Amino acid sequence: MSDQIVVGIADFKVSNGKGQTLVTFSLGSCIGLTIYDPVACVGGMIHYMLPDSSLDPQKAREKPAMFADTGIPLLFKSAYALGLKKQRARVVVAGGAQILDNSGYFNIGKRNYTALRKIFWRNNVLIHAEDVGGNVNRTLYLDLSKGEVRVKVAGLGVKIL
């Protein structure tokens, strides 16, 4: 049984602990992003809520993982410090659903996903697998022993990405 490390909302974790599993719960419109380097056995996960830190610069300084534009670079830089190499990283994305916004007025999920894609495009990062959109909650797991990513989708069970 692996040691579970919970990544909270507006939080991130990186680790090179082989017996550990990173997990984040309740991904609705938020995005969960995992990165894993199979050579260095380094992985990380972020659970961000909003696309752009300019919405609240003070909050971005206090909790940079709350926003895509401040949290994603912080996740990668923290993983680089443990030995992750971008060219080897396997990147998986989950979340970005439309929850509690039936009219689609705010489109937070879509905006969160678009922000991620723009950051990745500018930095030449490829997404290897994803489970995004819809109107379901998700739980995301990254097993650091083997780099396996699982997503549990409300009402649909667990699948490996």
N, C-alpha and C. Protein backbone atom coordinates (compact mmCIF):
# COMPACT_ATOMS: atom_id res chain seq x y z
N MET A 1 0.85 -1.20 0.00
CA MET A 1 0.00 0.00 0.00
C MET A 1 0.89 1.24 0.00
N SER A 2 0.60 2.15 -0.90
CA SER A 2 1.43 3.35 -0.98
C SER A 2 0.95 4.41 0.01
N ASP A 3 1.82 5.32 0.29
CA ASP A 3 1.57 6.44 1.18
C ASP A 3 0.89 7.54 0.36
N GLN A 4 -0.34 7.91 0.73
CA GLN A 4 -1.06 8.94 -0.02
C GLN A 4 -0.72 10.33 0.49
N ILE A 5 -0.42 11.21 -0.46
CA ILE A 5 -0.19 12.62 -0.16
C ILE A 5 -1.30 13.40 -0.84
N VAL A 6 -2.11 14.09 -0.06
CA VAL A 6 -3.24 14.83 -0.60
C VAL A 6 -2.80 16.21 -1.05
N VAL A 7 -3.18 16.53 -2.28
CA VAL A 7 -2.97 17.86 -2.84
C VAL A 7 -4.31 18.59 -2.73
N GLY A 8 -4.35 19.59 -1.89
CA GLY A 8 -5.59 20.31 -1.67
C GLY A 8 -5.92 21.27 -2.81
N ILE A 9 -7.06 21.91 -2.71
CA ILE A 9 -7.46 22.91 -3.69
C ILE A 9 -6.51 24.11 -3.56
N ALA A 10 -6.05 24.62 -4.70
CA ALA A 10 -5.09 25.75 -4.74
C ALA A 10 -3.77 25.35 -4.09
N ASP A 11 -3.36 24.10 -4.35
CA ASP A 11 -2.14 23.57 -3.75
C ASP A 11 -1.39 22.74 -4.79
N PHE A 12 -0.14 22.42 -4.50
CA PHE A 12 0.64 21.53 -5.35
C PHE A 12 1.63 20.78 -4.48
N LYS A 13 2.09 19.64 -4.99
CA LYS A 13 3.12 18.87 -4.31
C LYS A 13 4.02 18.26 -5.37
N VAL A 14 5.31 18.14 -5.05
CA VAL A 14 6.26 17.39 -5.88
C VAL A 14 6.98 16.42 -4.97
N SER A 15 7.41 15.29 -5.54
CA SER A 15 8.06 14.28 -4.72
C SER A 15 8.88 13.33 -5.59
N ASN A 16 9.87 12.71 -4.96
CA ASN A 16 10.59 11.61 -5.59
C ASN A 16 10.48 10.37 -4.70
N GLY A 17 9.44 10.32 -3.89
CA GLY A 17 9.20 9.19 -2.99
C GLY A 17 8.52 8.04 -3.71
N LYS A 18 9.26 6.96 -3.91
CA LYS A 18 8.75 5.84 -4.72
C LYS A 18 7.49 5.20 -4.17
N GLY A 19 7.30 5.18 -2.86
CA GLY A 19 6.12 4.53 -2.31
C GLY A 19 4.93 5.45 -2.16
N GLN A 20 4.97 6.61 -2.79
CA GLN A 20 3.93 7.61 -2.58
C GLN A 20 2.97 7.71 -3.76
N THR A 21 1.75 8.10 -3.43
CA THR A 21 0.75 8.43 -4.44
C THR A 21 0.22 9.82 -4.14
N LEU A 22 0.31 10.71 -5.11
CA LEU A 22 -0.30 12.03 -4.98
C LEU A 22 -1.75 11.91 -5.39
N VAL A 23 -2.65 12.57 -4.67
CA VAL A 23 -4.08 12.51 -4.99
C VAL A 23 -4.71 13.86 -4.74
N THR A 24 -5.64 14.23 -5.62
CA THR A 24 -6.45 15.42 -5.40
C THR A 24 -7.90 15.08 -5.67
N PHE A 25 -8.77 15.62 -4.85
CA PHE A 25 -10.20 15.30 -4.89
C PHE A 25 -11.02 16.48 -5.42
N SER A 26 -12.23 16.19 -5.82
CA SER A 26 -13.23 17.21 -6.16
C SER A 26 -12.80 18.17 -7.27
N LEU A 27 -12.24 17.62 -8.34
CA LEU A 27 -11.94 18.46 -9.51
C LEU A 27 -13.25 18.67 -10.27
N GLY A 28 -13.77 19.86 -10.17
CA GLY A 28 -14.94 20.24 -10.96
C GLY A 28 -14.45 21.12 -12.09
N SER A 29 -14.65 22.43 -11.94
CA SER A 29 -14.12 23.37 -12.95
C SER A 29 -12.62 23.57 -12.77
N CYS A 30 -12.09 23.16 -11.61
CA CYS A 30 -10.65 23.24 -11.38
C CYS A 30 -9.93 22.26 -12.31
N ILE A 31 -8.63 22.47 -12.45
CA ILE A 31 -7.80 21.56 -13.24
C ILE A 31 -6.80 20.87 -12.31
N GLY A 32 -6.67 19.57 -12.52
CA GLY A 32 -5.63 18.79 -11.88
C GLY A 32 -4.61 18.44 -12.96
N LEU A 33 -3.36 18.70 -12.69
CA LEU A 33 -2.29 18.46 -13.65
C LEU A 33 -1.22 17.61 -12.96
N THR A 34 -0.81 16.52 -13.62
CA THR A 34 0.30 15.72 -13.11
C THR A 34 1.45 15.76 -14.10
N ILE A 35 2.66 15.73 -13.56
CA ILE A 35 3.87 15.60 -14.38
C ILE A 35 4.71 14.49 -13.75
N TYR A 36 5.36 13.70 -14.60
CA TYR A 36 6.16 12.59 -14.08
C TYR A 36 7.31 12.31 -15.03
N ASP A 37 8.51 12.20 -14.45
CA ASP A 37 9.72 11.87 -15.20
C ASP A 37 10.10 10.43 -14.83
N PRO A 38 9.96 9.48 -15.77
CA PRO A 38 10.22 8.08 -15.44
C PRO A 38 11.70 7.76 -15.19
N VAL A 39 12.60 8.58 -15.66
CA VAL A 39 14.02 8.34 -15.42
C VAL A 39 14.42 8.82 -14.03
N ALA A 40 14.03 10.03 -13.68
CA ALA A 40 14.36 10.59 -12.37
C ALA A 40 13.39 10.10 -11.29
N CYS A 41 12.27 9.50 -11.70
CA CYS A 41 11.21 9.07 -10.76
C CYS A 41 10.74 10.24 -9.90
N VAL A 42 10.52 11.36 -10.56
CA VAL A 42 10.05 12.57 -9.91
C VAL A 42 8.67 12.90 -10.48
N GLY A 43 7.75 13.24 -9.61
CA GLY A 43 6.42 13.60 -10.07
C GLY A 43 5.88 14.78 -9.29
N GLY A 44 4.83 15.36 -9.85
CA GLY A 44 4.18 16.47 -9.19
C GLY A 44 2.74 16.59 -9.62
N MET A 45 1.98 17.30 -8.79
CA MET A 45 0.55 17.51 -9.07
C MET A 45 0.15 18.89 -8.57
N ILE A 46 -0.72 19.54 -9.32
CA ILE A 46 -1.31 20.81 -8.90
C ILE A 46 -2.82 20.71 -9.07
N HIS A 47 -3.54 21.42 -8.21
CA HIS A 47 -5.00 21.55 -8.30
C HIS A 47 -5.29 23.05 -8.28
N TYR A 48 -5.40 23.64 -9.48
CA TYR A 48 -5.62 25.09 -9.54
C TYR A 48 -7.08 25.41 -9.85
N MET A 49 -7.50 26.60 -9.40
CA MET A 49 -8.91 26.99 -9.45
C MET A 49 -9.26 27.96 -10.58
N LEU A 50 -8.34 28.86 -10.88
CA LEU A 50 -8.65 29.97 -11.78
C LEU A 50 -7.53 30.15 -12.81
N PRO A 51 -7.88 30.72 -13.98
CA PRO A 51 -6.89 30.81 -15.06
C PRO A 51 -5.84 31.89 -14.90
N ASP A 52 -6.16 33.01 -14.28
CA ASP A 52 -5.33 34.19 -14.42
C ASP A 52 -5.16 34.92 -13.08
N SER A 53 -3.93 35.07 -12.64
CA SER A 53 -3.64 35.70 -11.35
C SER A 53 -3.94 37.19 -11.33
N SER A 54 -4.13 37.80 -12.49
CA SER A 54 -4.44 39.24 -12.49
C SER A 54 -5.82 39.50 -11.87
N LEU A 55 -6.62 38.46 -11.71
CA LEU A 55 -7.91 38.61 -11.03
C LEU A 55 -7.73 39.03 -9.58
N ASP A 56 -6.63 38.58 -8.95
CA ASP A 56 -6.37 38.89 -7.55
C ASP A 56 -4.88 38.74 -7.26
N PRO A 57 -4.07 39.76 -7.62
CA PRO A 57 -2.61 39.67 -7.45
C PRO A 57 -2.17 39.39 -6.01
N GLN A 58 -2.87 39.92 -5.03
CA GLN A 58 -2.53 39.66 -3.63
C GLN A 58 -2.70 38.18 -3.31
N LYS A 59 -3.81 37.60 -3.72
CA LYS A 59 -4.07 36.18 -3.49
C LYS A 59 -3.04 35.32 -4.24
N ALA A 60 -2.63 35.76 -5.42
CA ALA A 60 -1.63 35.02 -6.20
C ALA A 60 -0.28 34.98 -5.48
N ARG A 61 0.06 36.05 -4.77
CA ARG A 61 1.31 36.06 -4.00
C ARG A 61 1.20 35.10 -2.81
N GLU A 62 0.03 35.06 -2.18
CA GLU A 62 -0.18 34.21 -1.01
C GLU A 62 -0.32 32.73 -1.39
N LYS A 63 -1.07 32.45 -2.46
CA LYS A 63 -1.35 31.08 -2.89
C LYS A 63 -1.18 30.97 -4.40
N PRO A 64 0.06 30.94 -4.89
CA PRO A 64 0.29 30.92 -6.34
C PRO A 64 -0.33 29.70 -7.04
N ALA A 65 -0.52 28.60 -6.32
CA ALA A 65 -1.10 27.41 -6.94
C ALA A 65 -2.60 27.55 -7.20
N MET A 66 -3.19 28.65 -6.79
CA MET A 66 -4.61 28.89 -7.05
C MET A 66 -4.85 29.21 -8.53
N PHE A 67 -3.82 29.72 -9.22
CA PHE A 67 -3.98 30.21 -10.59
C PHE A 67 -3.08 29.45 -11.56
N ALA A 68 -3.57 29.26 -12.78
CA ALA A 68 -2.80 28.55 -13.81
C ALA A 68 -1.48 29.27 -14.10
N ASP A 69 -1.53 30.58 -14.29
CA ASP A 69 -0.35 31.30 -14.78
C ASP A 69 0.76 31.42 -13.74
N THR A 70 0.45 31.27 -12.46
CA THR A 70 1.48 31.29 -11.43
C THR A 70 1.77 29.88 -10.91
N GLY A 71 0.76 29.04 -10.85
CA GLY A 71 0.92 27.70 -10.29
C GLY A 71 1.63 26.71 -11.19
N ILE A 72 1.32 26.70 -12.47
CA ILE A 72 1.93 25.73 -13.39
C ILE A 72 3.45 25.93 -13.47
N PRO A 73 3.94 27.16 -13.66
CA PRO A 73 5.40 27.34 -13.66
C PRO A 73 6.04 26.93 -12.33
N LEU A 74 5.36 27.20 -11.22
CA LEU A 74 5.88 26.83 -9.91
C LEU A 74 5.97 25.30 -9.78
N LEU A 75 4.97 24.59 -10.27
CA LEU A 75 4.99 23.13 -10.24
C LEU A 75 6.20 22.59 -11.01
N PHE A 76 6.39 23.07 -12.23
CA PHE A 76 7.51 22.60 -13.06
C PHE A 76 8.85 22.95 -12.42
N LYS A 77 9.02 24.19 -11.96
CA LYS A 77 10.29 24.60 -11.35
C LYS A 77 10.61 23.76 -10.12
N SER A 78 9.60 23.47 -9.32
CA SER A 78 9.80 22.66 -8.12
C SER A 78 10.20 21.23 -8.49
N ALA A 79 9.61 20.69 -9.55
CA ALA A 79 9.96 19.34 -10.00
C ALA A 79 11.35 19.32 -10.64
N TYR A 80 11.72 20.39 -11.35
CA TYR A 80 13.08 20.48 -11.92
C TYR A 80 14.12 20.40 -10.80
N ALA A 81 13.82 21.03 -9.67
CA ALA A 81 14.76 21.03 -8.54
C ALA A 81 15.02 19.62 -8.01
N LEU A 82 14.07 18.70 -8.24
CA LEU A 82 14.24 17.30 -7.81
C LEU A 82 14.80 16.41 -8.92
N GLY A 83 15.03 17.00 -10.12
CA GLY A 83 15.64 16.24 -11.20
C GLY A 83 14.77 15.97 -12.41
N LEU A 84 13.51 16.42 -12.40
CA LEU A 84 12.65 16.22 -13.57
C LEU A 84 13.20 16.99 -14.77
N LYS A 85 13.17 16.37 -15.93
CA LYS A 85 13.54 17.02 -17.19
C LYS A 85 12.28 17.16 -18.04
N LYS A 86 12.05 18.36 -18.55
CA LYS A 86 10.83 18.65 -19.31
C LYS A 86 10.66 17.70 -20.49
N GLN A 87 11.75 17.40 -21.20
CA GLN A 87 11.63 16.58 -22.41
C GLN A 87 11.24 15.13 -22.09
N ARG A 88 11.42 14.69 -20.83
CA ARG A 88 11.04 13.33 -20.45
C ARG A 88 9.70 13.29 -19.73
N ALA A 89 9.17 14.44 -19.36
CA ALA A 89 7.98 14.49 -18.50
C ALA A 89 6.73 14.00 -19.23
N ARG A 90 5.99 13.15 -18.54
CA ARG A 90 4.69 12.70 -19.02
C ARG A 90 3.65 13.58 -18.32
N VAL A 91 2.82 14.26 -19.11
CA VAL A 91 1.89 15.27 -18.61
C VAL A 91 0.46 14.79 -18.79
N VAL A 92 -0.31 14.82 -17.69
CA VAL A 92 -1.70 14.38 -17.73
C VAL A 92 -2.56 15.46 -17.09
N VAL A 93 -3.73 15.71 -17.68
CA VAL A 93 -4.63 16.77 -17.25
C VAL A 93 -6.02 16.20 -17.01
N ALA A 94 -6.67 16.65 -15.92
CA ALA A 94 -8.05 16.25 -15.64
C ALA A 94 -8.80 17.43 -15.04
N GLY A 95 -10.11 17.42 -15.22
CA GLY A 95 -10.97 18.47 -14.65
C GLY A 95 -11.53 19.37 -15.72
N GLY A 96 -11.68 20.63 -15.39
CA GLY A 96 -12.18 21.60 -16.35
C GLY A 96 -13.65 21.40 -16.72
N ALA A 97 -14.42 20.85 -15.78
CA ALA A 97 -15.83 20.60 -16.05
C ALA A 97 -16.65 21.87 -15.89
N GLN A 98 -17.87 21.79 -16.33
CA GLN A 98 -18.81 22.90 -16.16
C GLN A 98 -19.75 22.51 -15.02
N ILE A 99 -19.44 23.00 -13.83
CA ILE A 99 -20.20 22.65 -12.62
C ILE A 99 -20.87 23.91 -12.09
N LEU A 100 -22.11 23.80 -11.70
CA LEU A 100 -22.86 24.91 -11.09
C LEU A 100 -22.93 26.14 -12.01
N ASP A 101 -22.85 25.94 -13.29
CA ASP A 101 -22.89 27.04 -14.25
C ASP A 101 -23.60 26.52 -15.50
N ASN A 102 -24.84 26.09 -15.32
CA ASN A 102 -25.58 25.44 -16.42
C ASN A 102 -25.73 26.33 -17.64
N SER A 103 -25.75 27.64 -17.43
CA SER A 103 -25.90 28.55 -18.55
C SER A 103 -24.60 28.69 -19.35
N GLY A 104 -23.48 28.29 -18.74
CA GLY A 104 -22.19 28.46 -19.40
C GLY A 104 -21.69 29.89 -19.36
N TYR A 105 -22.28 30.71 -18.50
CA TYR A 105 -21.94 32.13 -18.45
C TYR A 105 -20.49 32.37 -18.06
N PHE A 106 -20.01 31.69 -17.02
CA PHE A 106 -18.65 31.94 -16.54
C PHE A 106 -17.61 31.08 -17.24
N ASN A 107 -17.98 29.86 -17.62
CA ASN A 107 -17.06 28.95 -18.33
C ASN A 107 -15.70 28.82 -17.65
N ILE A 108 -15.70 28.71 -16.32
CA ILE A 108 -14.42 28.62 -15.59
C ILE A 108 -13.63 27.40 -16.02
N GLY A 109 -14.30 26.26 -16.16
CA GLY A 109 -13.61 25.04 -16.57
C GLY A 109 -12.91 25.20 -17.91
N LYS A 110 -13.62 25.74 -18.89
CA LYS A 110 -13.03 25.95 -20.22
C LYS A 110 -11.92 26.98 -20.17
N ARG A 111 -12.11 28.04 -19.40
CA ARG A 111 -11.08 29.07 -19.29
C ARG A 111 -9.83 28.52 -18.59
N ASN A 112 -10.02 27.66 -17.57
CA ASN A 112 -8.88 27.03 -16.90
C ASN A 112 -8.10 26.16 -17.88
N TYR A 113 -8.81 25.40 -18.68
CA TYR A 113 -8.15 24.51 -19.64
C TYR A 113 -7.44 25.32 -20.74
N THR A 114 -8.09 26.37 -21.22
CA THR A 114 -7.48 27.22 -22.25
C THR A 114 -6.20 27.87 -21.73
N ALA A 115 -6.20 28.33 -20.48
CA ALA A 115 -5.01 28.94 -19.89
C ALA A 115 -3.86 27.93 -19.87
N LEU A 116 -4.15 26.70 -19.48
CA LEU A 116 -3.14 25.65 -19.46
C LEU A 116 -2.58 25.40 -20.85
N ARG A 117 -3.46 25.29 -21.83
CA ARG A 117 -3.00 25.03 -23.21
C ARG A 117 -2.11 26.16 -23.72
N LYS A 118 -2.44 27.40 -23.40
CA LYS A 118 -1.62 28.53 -23.82
C LYS A 118 -0.23 28.48 -23.18
N ILE A 119 -0.19 28.19 -21.88
CA ILE A 119 1.10 28.10 -21.17
C ILE A 119 1.94 26.98 -21.78
N PHE A 120 1.30 25.83 -22.05
CA PHE A 120 2.03 24.70 -22.62
C PHE A 120 2.50 25.00 -24.04
N TRP A 121 1.67 25.67 -24.83
CA TRP A 121 2.05 26.01 -26.19
C TRP A 121 3.28 26.92 -26.19
N ARG A 122 3.27 27.93 -25.33
CA ARG A 122 4.40 28.87 -25.24
C ARG A 122 5.68 28.19 -24.77
N ASN A 123 5.55 27.12 -23.98
CA ASN A 123 6.70 26.46 -23.39
C ASN A 123 7.01 25.09 -24.00
N ASN A 124 6.35 24.79 -25.11
CA ASN A 124 6.61 23.54 -25.84
C ASN A 124 6.43 22.29 -24.95
N VAL A 125 5.30 22.24 -24.26
CA VAL A 125 4.95 21.10 -23.41
C VAL A 125 3.78 20.38 -24.05
N LEU A 126 3.90 19.07 -24.19
CA LEU A 126 2.83 18.26 -24.78
C LEU A 126 2.03 17.56 -23.69
N ILE A 127 0.71 17.46 -23.91
CA ILE A 127 -0.16 16.71 -23.01
C ILE A 127 -0.21 15.28 -23.53
N HIS A 128 0.08 14.32 -22.67
CA HIS A 128 0.09 12.92 -23.07
C HIS A 128 -1.27 12.25 -22.93
N ALA A 129 -2.07 12.69 -21.96
CA ALA A 129 -3.41 12.14 -21.77
C ALA A 129 -4.23 13.17 -21.00
N GLU A 130 -5.54 13.11 -21.21
CA GLU A 130 -6.42 14.04 -20.49
C GLU A 130 -7.81 13.47 -20.36
N ASP A 131 -8.51 13.96 -19.34
CA ASP A 131 -9.92 13.67 -19.12
C ASP A 131 -10.52 14.98 -18.63
N VAL A 132 -11.04 15.77 -19.55
CA VAL A 132 -11.49 17.13 -19.23
C VAL A 132 -12.90 17.38 -19.77
N GLY A 133 -13.51 18.42 -19.21
CA GLY A 133 -14.81 18.87 -19.69
C GLY A 133 -15.97 18.12 -19.07
N GLY A 134 -17.10 18.21 -19.73
CA GLY A 134 -18.31 17.58 -19.22
C GLY A 134 -18.83 18.30 -18.00
N ASN A 135 -19.61 17.58 -17.20
CA ASN A 135 -20.17 18.19 -15.99
C ASN A 135 -20.07 17.22 -14.80
N VAL A 136 -18.91 16.57 -14.68
CA VAL A 136 -18.67 15.60 -13.62
C VAL A 136 -17.47 15.99 -12.76
N ASN A 137 -17.50 15.54 -11.52
CA ASN A 137 -16.36 15.71 -10.63
C ASN A 137 -15.39 14.56 -10.83
N ARG A 138 -14.12 14.84 -10.59
CA ARG A 138 -13.08 13.84 -10.77
C ARG A 138 -12.12 13.83 -9.57
N THR A 139 -11.50 12.67 -9.37
CA THR A 139 -10.40 12.52 -8.42
C THR A 139 -9.21 12.03 -9.24
N LEU A 140 -8.05 12.61 -9.00
CA LEU A 140 -6.86 12.32 -9.80
C LEU A 140 -5.77 11.74 -8.91
N TYR A 141 -5.13 10.66 -9.38
CA TYR A 141 -4.07 9.97 -8.64
C TYR A 141 -2.81 9.87 -9.49
N LEU A 142 -1.64 10.08 -8.89
CA LEU A 142 -0.36 9.83 -9.54
C LEU A 142 0.46 8.91 -8.63
N ASP A 143 0.68 7.68 -9.09
CA ASP A 143 1.48 6.71 -8.36
C ASP A 143 2.95 6.93 -8.72
N LEU A 144 3.74 7.38 -7.75
CA LEU A 144 5.14 7.73 -8.01
C LEU A 144 6.04 6.51 -8.15
N SER A 145 5.55 5.32 -7.81
CA SER A 145 6.35 4.11 -7.98
C SER A 145 6.54 3.78 -9.45
N LYS A 146 5.48 4.00 -10.24
CA LYS A 146 5.55 3.62 -11.66
C LYS A 146 5.05 4.70 -12.60
N GLY A 147 4.64 5.84 -12.07
CA GLY A 147 4.19 6.94 -12.92
C GLY A 147 2.78 6.78 -13.44
N GLU A 148 2.05 5.81 -12.92
CA GLU A 148 0.68 5.58 -13.40
C GLU A 148 -0.27 6.67 -12.91
N VAL A 149 -1.10 7.18 -13.82
CA VAL A 149 -2.09 8.19 -13.48
C VAL A 149 -3.47 7.55 -13.65
N ARG A 150 -4.28 7.68 -12.60
CA ARG A 150 -5.66 7.20 -12.64
C ARG A 150 -6.59 8.36 -12.37
N VAL A 151 -7.74 8.31 -13.00
CA VAL A 151 -8.77 9.31 -12.74
C VAL A 151 -10.06 8.57 -12.40
N LYS A 152 -10.66 9.00 -11.31
CA LYS A 152 -11.96 8.45 -10.91
C LYS A 152 -13.01 9.51 -11.27
N VAL A 153 -13.92 9.13 -12.15
CA VAL A 153 -14.94 10.05 -12.62
C VAL A 153 -16.25 9.70 -11.92
N ALA A 154 -16.90 10.69 -11.32
CA ALA A 154 -18.14 10.46 -10.60
C ALA A 154 -19.14 9.71 -11.47
N GLY A 155 -19.58 8.56 -10.99
CA GLY A 155 -20.57 7.77 -11.69
C GLY A 155 -20.03 6.90 -12.81
N LEU A 156 -18.75 7.02 -13.15
CA LEU A 156 -18.20 6.26 -14.28
C LEU A 156 -17.03 5.36 -13.89
N GLY A 157 -16.57 5.42 -12.65
CA GLY A 157 -15.50 4.55 -12.21
C GLY A 157 -14.12 5.13 -12.46
N VAL A 158 -13.10 4.23 -12.39
CA VAL A 158 -11.71 4.62 -12.48
C VAL A 158 -11.12 4.19 -13.81
N LYS A 159 -10.31 5.05 -14.41
CA LYS A 159 -9.59 4.66 -15.62
C LYS A 159 -8.16 5.14 -15.54
N ILE A 160 -7.29 4.40 -16.24
CA ILE A 160 -5.88 4.76 -16.30
C ILE A 160 -5.66 5.66 -17.50
N LEU A 161 -4.95 6.76 -17.27
CA LEU A 161 -4.66 7.71 -18.36
C LEU A 161 -3.21 7.57 -18.79
